[in-house]
Amino acid sequence: MAEELLSNYQHIIEELRLVTGRGGVFEVRINDDLIFSKKTMQKRHAEPGEILGLFREIVGPDVPTYPQTK
């Protein structure tokens, strides 16, 4: 997930932190906003590409992915 985000949006991500937890907790926050939670929201593991899709929705379609293609 981290690699997927950075390979597509490294030009706009200022900080990416991976924090270990216990009990199967998996949460994704953007600017302190919780966008995915295995424990409280979706109650399941993220599907491949799902976190990238959520991130893309938040940054908007006008933000190009990296590397920019012509």
Protein backbone atom coordinates (compact mmCIF):
# COMPACT_ATOMS: atom_id res chain seq x y z
CA MET A 1 0.00 0.00 0.00
CA ALA A 2 2.74 2.49 0.90
CA GLU A 3 4.70 1.61 -2.24
CA GLU A 4 1.58 2.02 -4.37
CA LEU A 5 0.85 5.47 -2.91
CA LEU A 6 4.44 6.66 -3.23
CA SER A 7 4.95 5.33 -6.75
CA ASN A 8 1.88 7.28 -7.92
CA TYR A 9 1.87 10.37 -5.69
CA GLN A 10 5.43 10.88 -4.41
CA HIS A 11 5.37 14.41 -5.81
CA ILE A 12 2.57 15.51 -3.43
CA ILE A 13 3.02 13.30 -0.34
CA GLU A 14 5.06 15.18 2.26
CA GLU A 15 4.99 12.47 4.92
CA LEU A 16 3.97 8.82 5.07
CA ARG A 17 4.06 7.01 8.40
CA LEU A 18 3.54 3.33 9.04
CA VAL A 19 2.62 2.69 12.67
CA THR A 20 2.48 -0.82 14.05
CA GLY A 21 -0.49 -1.84 16.14
CA ARG A 22 -2.00 -4.83 17.85
CA GLY A 23 -5.11 -6.89 17.36
CA GLY A 24 -5.27 -6.62 13.58
CA VAL A 25 -5.77 -2.86 13.56
CA PHE A 26 -5.26 -1.34 10.11
CA GLU A 27 -6.16 2.31 9.62
CA VAL A 28 -5.34 4.84 6.95
CA ARG A 29 -5.46 8.56 7.69
CA ILE A 30 -4.91 11.52 5.42
CA ASN A 31 -4.31 14.78 7.26
CA ASP A 32 -5.75 13.21 10.44
CA ASP A 33 -8.95 12.17 8.60
CA LEU A 34 -9.65 8.45 8.88
CA ILE A 35 -10.38 7.09 5.39
CA PHE A 36 -10.09 3.34 6.03
CA SER A 37 -10.33 1.26 9.19
CA LYS A 38 -10.32 -2.50 9.31
CA LYS A 39 -11.52 -2.32 12.90
CA THR A 40 -14.31 0.28 12.85
CA MET A 41 -15.36 1.23 9.32
CA GLN A 42 -15.00 -1.43 6.64
CA LYS A 43 -14.29 -4.28 9.10
CA ARG A 44 -12.16 -6.12 6.53
CA HIS A 45 -8.75 -5.95 4.87
CA ALA A 46 -8.33 -3.45 2.05
CA GLU A 47 -8.60 -4.86 -1.45
CA PRO A 48 -5.66 -4.35 -3.84
CA GLY A 49 -5.76 -0.77 -5.13
CA GLU A 50 -8.53 0.27 -2.72
CA ILE A 51 -6.42 2.65 -0.62
CA LEU A 52 -4.95 4.20 -3.78
CA GLY A 53 -8.49 4.74 -5.06
CA LEU A 54 -9.57 6.41 -1.82
CA PHE A 55 -6.49 8.63 -1.93
CA ARG A 56 -7.20 9.53 -5.56
CA GLU A 57 -10.76 10.56 -4.62
CA ILE A 58 -9.43 12.89 -1.92
CA VAL A 59 -6.70 14.59 -3.98
CA GLY A 60 -8.99 14.87 -6.98
CA PRO A 61 -8.76 13.99 -10.65
CA ASP A 62 -6.76 17.14 -11.52
CA VAL A 63 -3.67 15.88 -9.65
CA PRO A 64 -1.57 13.83 -12.08
CA THR A 65 0.10 10.62 -11.03
CA TYR A 66 3.87 10.24 -11.14
CA PRO A 67 5.61 9.88 -13.50
CA GLN A 68 3.54 12.21 -15.55
CA THR A 69 2.74 10.77 -18.94
CA LYS A 70 2.28 12.81 -22.09
